[in-house]
Amino acid sequence: MEVSIRWFGTFGDNLRLYVYRGGTRVAASGGVIAGAQSVLIPSAPDGRYTVYVAFDPDSISDAVRYEGLSQVE
């Protein structure tokens, strides 16, 4: 399973990506100075996953617009 986000902000804006299953964090991407984040969970077990996109308070803008995508292959 892959989960990804991309955003359209000012240089210096940043978001963090977290994926949980059953209350346990199974993946995270918190890169700095990027316009996108993604995580790959190989052989992800069936079930419900919760995805959080967190605003980095050190970002230049007050809000950041983003798009997200989740794929299972």
N, C-alpha and C. Protein backbone atom coordinates (compact mmCIF):
# COMPACT_ATOMS: atom_id res chain seq x y z
N MET A 1 0.85 -1.16 0.00
CA MET A 1 0.00 0.00 0.00
C MET A 1 0.90 1.22 0.00
N GLU A 2 0.52 2.21 -0.79
CA GLU A 2 1.24 3.48 -0.82
C GLU A 2 0.27 4.61 -0.49
N VAL A 3 0.72 5.54 0.32
CA VAL A 3 -0.04 6.73 0.65
C VAL A 3 0.87 7.92 0.34
N SER A 4 0.32 8.89 -0.36
CA SER A 4 1.15 10.06 -0.71
C SER A 4 0.32 11.33 -0.64
N ILE A 5 1.04 12.44 -0.43
CA ILE A 5 0.43 13.77 -0.45
C ILE A 5 1.36 14.69 -1.23
N ARG A 6 0.78 15.72 -1.80
CA ARG A 6 1.56 16.81 -2.39
C ARG A 6 0.84 18.10 -2.09
N TRP A 7 1.61 19.17 -2.01
CA TRP A 7 1.00 20.45 -1.64
C TRP A 7 1.50 21.57 -2.50
N PHE A 8 0.76 22.67 -2.42
CA PHE A 8 0.95 23.80 -3.32
C PHE A 8 1.11 25.07 -2.50
N GLY A 9 2.15 25.15 -1.75
CA GLY A 9 2.35 26.31 -0.89
C GLY A 9 3.56 27.11 -1.31
N THR A 10 4.02 27.90 -0.40
CA THR A 10 5.20 28.72 -0.58
C THR A 10 6.42 27.89 -0.20
N PHE A 11 7.57 28.21 -0.79
CA PHE A 11 8.80 27.53 -0.39
C PHE A 11 8.97 27.71 1.11
N GLY A 12 9.19 26.63 1.82
CA GLY A 12 9.28 26.68 3.27
C GLY A 12 8.06 26.10 3.96
N ASP A 13 6.96 25.90 3.20
CA ASP A 13 5.79 25.22 3.77
C ASP A 13 6.08 23.72 3.84
N ASN A 14 5.57 23.08 4.85
CA ASN A 14 5.81 21.65 4.98
C ASN A 14 4.65 20.97 5.70
N LEU A 15 4.36 19.75 5.30
CA LEU A 15 3.36 18.91 5.94
C LEU A 15 4.03 17.61 6.36
N ARG A 16 3.42 16.93 7.30
CA ARG A 16 3.91 15.62 7.76
C ARG A 16 2.83 14.59 7.49
N LEU A 17 3.23 13.38 7.18
CA LEU A 17 2.30 12.30 6.81
C LEU A 17 2.47 11.14 7.79
N TYR A 18 1.35 10.69 8.38
CA TYR A 18 1.38 9.59 9.33
C TYR A 18 0.28 8.60 8.98
N VAL A 19 0.58 7.30 9.09
CA VAL A 19 -0.40 6.24 8.82
C VAL A 19 -0.46 5.33 10.05
N TYR A 20 -1.69 5.10 10.53
CA TYR A 20 -1.92 4.26 11.71
C TYR A 20 -2.83 3.10 11.34
N ARG A 21 -2.64 2.01 12.05
CA ARG A 21 -3.55 0.86 11.96
C ARG A 21 -3.82 0.38 13.38
N GLY A 22 -5.09 0.45 13.78
CA GLY A 22 -5.46 0.01 15.12
C GLY A 22 -4.76 0.77 16.23
N GLY A 23 -4.53 2.05 16.05
CA GLY A 23 -3.90 2.86 17.08
C GLY A 23 -2.38 2.80 17.10
N THR A 24 -1.78 2.01 16.21
CA THR A 24 -0.32 1.90 16.12
C THR A 24 0.17 2.57 14.85
N ARG A 25 1.17 3.41 14.99
CA ARG A 25 1.73 4.05 13.80
C ARG A 25 2.52 3.01 13.02
N VAL A 26 2.18 2.87 11.73
CA VAL A 26 2.84 1.88 10.88
C VAL A 26 3.73 2.54 9.82
N ALA A 27 3.61 3.85 9.63
CA ALA A 27 4.46 4.55 8.67
C ALA A 27 4.39 6.05 8.93
N ALA A 28 5.48 6.73 8.58
CA ALA A 28 5.53 8.19 8.74
C ALA A 28 6.52 8.76 7.73
N SER A 29 6.23 9.96 7.30
CA SER A 29 7.14 10.70 6.43
C SER A 29 7.10 12.15 6.88
N GLY A 30 8.20 12.63 7.39
CA GLY A 30 8.24 13.99 7.91
C GLY A 30 9.37 14.78 7.29
N GLY A 31 9.59 14.59 6.01
CA GLY A 31 10.68 15.28 5.33
C GLY A 31 10.57 16.79 5.43
N VAL A 32 11.68 17.43 5.24
CA VAL A 32 11.75 18.88 5.34
C VAL A 32 12.10 19.44 3.97
N ILE A 33 11.58 20.62 3.68
CA ILE A 33 11.80 21.32 2.41
C ILE A 33 11.43 20.40 1.24
N ALA A 34 10.17 20.08 1.19
CA ALA A 34 9.66 19.20 0.15
C ALA A 34 8.32 19.72 -0.32
N GLY A 35 7.86 19.23 -1.46
CA GLY A 35 6.54 19.55 -1.96
C GLY A 35 5.65 18.34 -2.00
N ALA A 36 6.19 17.20 -1.46
CA ALA A 36 5.43 15.96 -1.45
C ALA A 36 6.02 15.02 -0.41
N GLN A 37 5.20 14.10 0.06
CA GLN A 37 5.61 13.05 0.99
C GLN A 37 4.92 11.77 0.56
N SER A 38 5.56 10.63 0.80
CA SER A 38 4.89 9.36 0.56
C SER A 38 5.46 8.30 1.47
N VAL A 39 4.65 7.29 1.72
CA VAL A 39 5.10 6.12 2.47
C VAL A 39 4.64 4.88 1.73
N LEU A 40 5.45 3.85 1.80
CA LEU A 40 5.14 2.56 1.20
C LEU A 40 5.10 1.53 2.33
N ILE A 41 3.99 0.80 2.40
CA ILE A 41 3.84 -0.25 3.40
C ILE A 41 3.75 -1.57 2.63
N PRO A 42 4.89 -2.26 2.47
CA PRO A 42 4.88 -3.50 1.69
C PRO A 42 4.06 -4.59 2.40
N SER A 43 3.34 -5.35 1.64
CA SER A 43 2.53 -6.46 2.16
C SER A 43 1.65 -6.02 3.32
N ALA A 44 1.00 -4.88 3.18
CA ALA A 44 0.13 -4.35 4.23
C ALA A 44 -1.02 -5.31 4.49
N PRO A 45 -1.25 -5.69 5.75
CA PRO A 45 -2.38 -6.57 6.05
C PRO A 45 -3.71 -5.89 5.76
N ASP A 46 -4.72 -6.68 5.43
CA ASP A 46 -6.06 -6.13 5.24
C ASP A 46 -6.51 -5.45 6.51
N GLY A 47 -7.32 -4.43 6.36
CA GLY A 47 -7.85 -3.74 7.53
C GLY A 47 -8.03 -2.27 7.28
N ARG A 48 -8.43 -1.58 8.31
CA ARG A 48 -8.68 -0.14 8.23
C ARG A 48 -7.43 0.61 8.68
N TYR A 49 -7.05 1.60 7.88
CA TYR A 49 -5.91 2.45 8.18
C TYR A 49 -6.40 3.89 8.31
N THR A 50 -5.76 4.63 9.18
CA THR A 50 -6.09 6.04 9.36
C THR A 50 -4.88 6.85 8.95
N VAL A 51 -5.13 7.84 8.09
CA VAL A 51 -4.05 8.69 7.58
C VAL A 51 -4.22 10.08 8.15
N TYR A 52 -3.15 10.61 8.71
CA TYR A 52 -3.14 11.97 9.23
C TYR A 52 -2.14 12.80 8.44
N VAL A 53 -2.56 14.00 8.08
CA VAL A 53 -1.67 14.98 7.47
C VAL A 53 -1.57 16.12 8.48
N ALA A 54 -0.36 16.35 8.96
CA ALA A 54 -0.15 17.34 10.01
C ALA A 54 0.58 18.57 9.45
N PHE A 55 0.08 19.72 9.83
CA PHE A 55 0.69 20.99 9.45
C PHE A 55 1.94 21.22 10.28
N ASP A 56 3.03 21.57 9.62
CA ASP A 56 4.28 21.90 10.32
C ASP A 56 4.20 23.36 10.76
N PRO A 57 4.23 23.63 12.06
CA PRO A 57 4.08 25.01 12.53
C PRO A 57 5.22 25.93 12.10
N ASP A 58 6.31 25.37 11.62
CA ASP A 58 7.42 26.19 11.12
C ASP A 58 7.22 26.62 9.67
N SER A 59 6.10 26.22 9.06
CA SER A 59 5.80 26.61 7.69
C SER A 59 5.66 28.13 7.57
N ILE A 60 5.91 28.63 6.37
CA ILE A 60 5.81 30.06 6.10
C ILE A 60 4.35 30.52 6.10
N SER A 61 3.48 29.73 5.47
CA SER A 61 2.06 30.08 5.33
C SER A 61 1.26 29.66 6.56
N ASP A 62 0.07 30.26 6.72
CA ASP A 62 -0.83 29.90 7.82
C ASP A 62 -1.61 28.63 7.53
N ALA A 63 -1.76 28.29 6.25
CA ALA A 63 -2.48 27.09 5.82
C ALA A 63 -1.84 26.61 4.53
N VAL A 64 -1.92 25.30 4.29
CA VAL A 64 -1.34 24.71 3.09
C VAL A 64 -2.37 23.78 2.45
N ARG A 65 -2.71 24.05 1.19
CA ARG A 65 -3.64 23.20 0.44
C ARG A 65 -2.88 21.97 -0.07
N TYR A 66 -3.49 20.78 0.03
CA TYR A 66 -2.83 19.57 -0.43
C TYR A 66 -3.79 18.60 -1.07
N GLU A 67 -3.25 17.64 -1.78
CA GLU A 67 -3.99 16.52 -2.35
C GLU A 67 -3.39 15.24 -1.79
N GLY A 68 -4.23 14.21 -1.62
CA GLY A 68 -3.76 12.93 -1.13
C GLY A 68 -4.18 11.79 -2.02
N LEU A 69 -3.41 10.70 -1.96
CA LEU A 69 -3.69 9.52 -2.76
C LEU A 69 -3.31 8.28 -1.96
N SER A 70 -4.15 7.26 -2.05
CA SER A 70 -3.86 5.97 -1.44
C SER A 70 -4.07 4.90 -2.49
N GLN A 71 -3.11 3.96 -2.59
CA GLN A 71 -3.20 2.89 -3.60
C GLN A 71 -2.85 1.56 -2.96
N VAL A 72 -3.54 0.53 -3.36
CA VAL A 72 -3.22 -0.82 -2.97
C VAL A 72 -3.00 -1.61 -4.25
N GLU A 73 -1.88 -2.32 -4.28
CA GLU A 73 -1.59 -3.14 -5.48
C GLU A 73 -1.47 -4.58 -5.11
